[in-house]
Amino acid sequence: MKLPTPDNPAASPVWENYVVAQAAHAALRIVPPYAHAVGVEVNGKRVAPVVQVPLEAPERDGDIEGIAGDLQELLGPAAVVHTRIDVRPVCTLSADDGVRWFFATRP
């Protein structure tokens, strides 16, 4: 089976959709309990799981690192995965922020 890549998305309708599905899979059961929201930003081969956290969140979290590591494993060498953590007092989602959100806490 040939996996889709940013240069050849023919194996998937859209590379971004494939990445979102893999990111959601990577985050299953390991979203930190304090996280406001989790999504993924896709810029060609550069992929970043984005986690919104409150001001009092720990500086480092093994679960967030685990999401990025699992996503890199799922996407393989077709992508370069790095993590982005957004510190915000409340959950703030926008359709125009470039992030494809797949998890958000209820207000």
Protein backbone atom coordinates (compact mmCIF):
# COMPACT_ATOMS: atom_id res chain seq x y z
CA MET A 1 0.00 0.00 0.00
CA LYS A 2 1.39 3.38 -1.00
CA LEU A 3 0.78 6.09 1.61
CA PRO A 4 -0.09 9.64 0.56
CA THR A 5 2.54 12.38 0.80
CA PRO A 6 2.36 16.15 0.28
CA ASP A 7 3.93 15.67 -3.16
CA ASN A 8 1.68 12.77 -4.13
CA PRO A 9 -1.70 12.89 -2.39
CA ALA A 10 -3.24 10.56 -4.97
CA ALA A 11 -3.54 7.76 -2.42
CA SER A 12 -5.74 10.04 -0.29
CA PRO A 13 -8.30 12.66 -1.31
CA VAL A 14 -6.28 15.39 0.41
CA TRP A 15 -2.99 15.25 2.32
CA GLU A 16 -4.38 17.53 5.03
CA ASN A 17 -7.33 15.21 5.67
CA TYR A 18 -4.99 12.26 5.97
CA VAL A 19 -2.83 14.15 8.48
CA VAL A 20 -5.86 15.18 10.54
CA ALA A 21 -7.04 11.58 10.72
CA GLN A 22 -3.59 10.39 11.77
CA ALA A 23 -3.25 13.20 14.35
CA ALA A 24 -6.61 12.30 15.89
CA HIS A 25 -5.48 8.68 16.01
CA ALA A 26 -2.17 9.67 17.64
CA ALA A 27 -4.05 11.66 20.31
CA LEU A 28 -6.49 8.89 21.25
CA ARG A 29 -6.62 8.45 25.02
CA ILE A 30 -3.58 10.67 25.69
CA VAL A 31 -4.97 14.20 25.48
CA PRO A 32 -3.87 15.86 28.74
CA PRO A 33 -6.84 16.43 31.07
CA TYR A 34 -6.07 20.16 31.32
CA ALA A 35 -5.89 20.79 27.54
CA HIS A 36 -8.38 23.28 26.10
CA ALA A 37 -8.11 21.98 22.54
CA VAL A 38 -6.01 19.79 20.25
CA GLY A 39 -5.60 20.13 16.52
CA VAL A 40 -3.02 19.93 13.78
CA GLU A 41 -1.44 22.52 11.52
CA VAL A 42 -0.32 21.27 8.11
CA ASN A 43 2.09 23.20 5.93
CA GLY A 44 3.17 20.76 3.25
CA LYS A 45 5.63 18.34 4.84
CA ARG A 46 5.78 20.38 8.06
CA VAL A 47 3.13 19.13 10.47
CA ALA A 48 2.51 20.42 13.99
CA PRO A 49 0.14 19.04 16.56
CA VAL A 50 -1.23 22.16 18.29
CA VAL A 51 -2.33 21.97 21.91
CA GLN A 52 -4.08 24.86 23.65
CA VAL A 53 -3.34 24.83 27.37
CA PRO A 54 -4.21 27.11 30.31
CA LEU A 55 -1.66 29.41 31.96
CA GLU A 56 -1.12 26.98 34.84
CA ALA A 57 -0.30 23.98 32.62
CA PRO A 58 3.01 22.21 33.19
CA GLU A 59 5.88 23.37 31.00
CA ARG A 60 6.51 19.88 29.64
CA ASP A 61 4.07 17.02 29.29
CA GLY A 62 4.84 13.48 28.21
CA ASP A 63 1.37 13.09 26.70
CA ILE A 64 1.89 16.04 24.34
CA GLU A 65 5.30 14.70 23.37
CA GLY A 66 3.69 11.29 22.91
CA ILE A 67 1.13 12.69 20.47
CA ALA A 68 3.90 14.23 18.35
CA GLY A 69 5.98 11.05 18.48
CA ASP A 70 3.07 8.82 17.53
CA LEU A 71 2.11 11.17 14.70
CA GLN A 72 5.65 11.11 13.33
CA GLU A 73 5.57 7.33 13.45
CA LEU A 74 2.21 7.20 11.66
CA LEU A 75 3.26 9.66 8.92
CA GLY A 76 6.76 8.26 8.51
CA PRO A 77 9.48 10.09 6.59
CA ALA A 78 6.91 11.93 4.44
CA ALA A 79 6.53 14.56 7.18
CA VAL A 80 8.54 16.55 9.70
CA VAL A 81 6.56 16.77 12.94
CA HIS A 82 7.11 19.44 15.57
CA THR A 83 4.80 20.45 18.43
CA ARG A 84 3.19 23.84 19.03
CA ILE A 85 1.76 24.69 22.43
CA ASP A 86 -0.52 27.72 22.66
CA VAL A 87 -0.98 29.04 26.19
CA ARG A 88 -4.38 30.72 26.55
CA PRO A 89 -6.60 31.51 29.52
CA VAL A 90 -9.64 29.97 27.74
CA CYS A 91 -10.28 27.81 24.70
CA THR A 92 -10.18 29.94 21.56
CA LEU A 93 -10.98 28.27 18.24
CA SER A 94 -11.25 29.90 14.84
CA ALA A 95 -11.80 28.56 11.36
CA ASP A 96 -9.21 31.09 10.16
CA ASP A 97 -6.30 30.19 12.45
CA GLY A 98 -4.83 27.54 10.12
CA VAL A 99 -5.38 24.73 12.62
CA ARG A 100 -7.69 21.81 11.98
CA TRP A 101 -9.17 21.28 15.46
CA PHE A 102 -10.42 17.80 16.36
CA PHE A 103 -10.76 18.08 20.16
CA ALA A 104 -12.07 20.89 22.35
CA THR A 105 -13.30 21.07 25.92
CA ARG A 106 -16.78 22.25 26.67
CA PRO A 107 -17.08 25.72 28.20
